[in-house]
Protein backbone atom coordinates (compact mmCIF):
# COMPACT_ATOMS: atom_id res chain seq x y z
CA MET A 1 65.95 157.06 56.37
CA TYR A 2 66.30 153.13 57.09
CA ALA A 3 65.17 149.86 55.90
CA ILE A 4 64.27 146.30 56.92
CA VAL A 5 66.52 143.78 54.89
CA ARG A 6 66.43 139.90 54.90
CA THR A 7 69.66 137.95 54.71
CA GLY A 8 70.70 134.58 56.16
CA GLY A 9 67.07 133.91 57.39
CA LYS A 10 67.04 136.69 59.52
CA GLN A 11 65.79 140.35 59.23
CA TYR A 12 67.85 143.39 59.95
CA GLN A 13 66.81 147.20 60.51
CA VAL A 14 69.69 148.96 58.89
CA ALA A 15 70.37 152.65 58.10
CA CYS A 16 73.26 154.39 56.01
CA GLY A 17 76.59 154.06 57.94
CA ASP A 18 75.41 151.23 60.31
CA GLN A 19 77.74 148.10 60.65
CA LEU A 20 76.32 144.88 61.42
CA ARG A 21 77.21 141.23 61.41
CA VAL A 22 75.19 138.79 59.17
CA GLU A 23 75.63 134.95 58.39
CA LYS A 24 78.61 134.51 55.96
CA LEU A 25 78.41 135.93 52.55
CA GLU A 26 80.83 134.99 49.71
CA GLY A 27 83.31 137.91 48.92
CA ASN A 28 86.37 139.35 49.93
CA VAL A 29 86.86 142.43 52.29
CA GLY A 30 86.31 145.40 50.43
CA ASP A 31 83.77 144.14 47.89
CA THR A 32 80.38 145.65 47.74
CA ILE A 33 77.29 143.77 47.80
CA ASP A 34 73.67 144.47 46.82
CA LEU A 35 71.12 143.25 49.26
CA SER A 36 67.95 143.01 47.04
CA ASP A 37 65.51 141.33 49.79
CA VAL A 38 64.37 144.71 51.08
CA LEU A 39 61.02 144.29 53.07
CA MET A 40 60.49 147.76 54.05
CA VAL A 41 61.86 151.37 53.55
CA VAL A 42 61.17 154.36 55.72
CA ASP A 43 62.00 158.14 54.77
CA GLY A 44 60.50 160.35 57.28
CA ASP A 45 56.65 160.07 56.91
CA ASP A 46 57.19 158.24 53.60
CA VAL A 47 56.65 154.35 54.39
CA LYS A 48 56.91 151.62 51.69
CA ILE A 49 56.14 148.20 52.39
CA GLY A 50 56.76 145.06 50.20
CA GLN A 51 54.59 142.17 49.40
CA PRO A 52 56.84 140.35 50.61
CA VAL A 53 59.60 142.48 48.88
CA LEU A 54 60.20 145.82 47.28
CA GLU A 55 61.21 145.11 43.74
CA SER A 56 62.97 148.60 43.08
CA ALA A 57 64.59 149.19 46.49
CA LYS A 58 68.00 147.80 47.21
CA VAL A 59 70.74 148.43 49.97
CA VAL A 60 74.39 148.64 48.94
CA ALA A 61 76.85 147.30 51.68
CA LYS A 62 80.53 146.97 51.84
CA ILE A 63 82.22 143.75 53.28
CA ALA A 64 84.13 145.15 56.24
CA GLU A 65 85.27 141.87 57.85
CA GLN A 66 85.11 138.14 57.43
CA GLY A 67 85.57 136.28 60.55
CA ARG A 68 84.47 133.70 62.94
CA ALA A 69 82.68 134.21 66.27
CA LYS A 70 83.79 133.20 69.75
CA LYS A 71 83.69 129.40 70.59
CA VAL A 72 80.62 128.00 71.88
CA ILE A 73 80.90 124.90 73.86
CA VAL A 74 78.44 122.03 73.68
CA PHE A 75 78.56 119.51 76.58
CA LYS A 76 76.45 116.48 76.81
CA LYS A 77 76.13 114.32 79.72
CA LYS A 78 74.22 111.45 81.01
CA LYS A 79 74.08 110.74 84.67
CA ARG A 80 75.40 107.53 85.94
CA LYS A 81 76.24 106.11 82.59
CA GLY A 82 79.73 107.47 82.15
CA TYR A 83 78.68 109.29 79.07
CA ARG A 84 80.18 112.76 78.60
CA LEU A 85 80.59 114.59 75.17
CA ARG A 86 82.35 118.12 74.77
CA LYS A 87 82.39 119.79 71.57
CA GLY A 88 82.84 123.20 70.29
CA HIS A 89 81.55 125.46 67.37
CA ARG A 90 82.56 128.91 65.96
CA GLN A 91 80.05 130.51 63.59
CA SER A 92 81.31 132.19 60.45
CA TYR A 93 80.16 135.85 60.02
CA THR A 94 80.28 138.58 57.59
CA ALA A 95 80.77 142.25 58.82
CA LEU A 96 78.91 144.81 56.59
CA LYS A 97 78.98 148.52 56.53
CA ILE A 98 75.95 150.04 54.98
CA GLU A 99 76.55 152.53 52.36
CA GLU A 100 73.55 153.35 50.37
CA ILE A 101 69.72 152.75 50.62
CA SER A 102 67.60 153.45 47.54
CA ALA A 103 63.96 153.20 47.20
């Protein structure tokens, strides 16, 4: 059984026991979160597709980690002008462990 969920402006395919990184969600490590934007649930040959979401379906996940990704360097330069700009960015993320999918 797996589901397609939407969070943080992206869509993810999840199954029970999976761990995935999503855009930062509020909460502490160990808290449970209900992902209610379930777009599709597949259980063997039984496929349920939402228009756009399934009202009765939800995915229960547990926060495994709150962290920040590796630094990405943004470097800008204009030739022959002496213009150089170097910035860094670290994106915050939440690691979720999928516990239950209910349709």
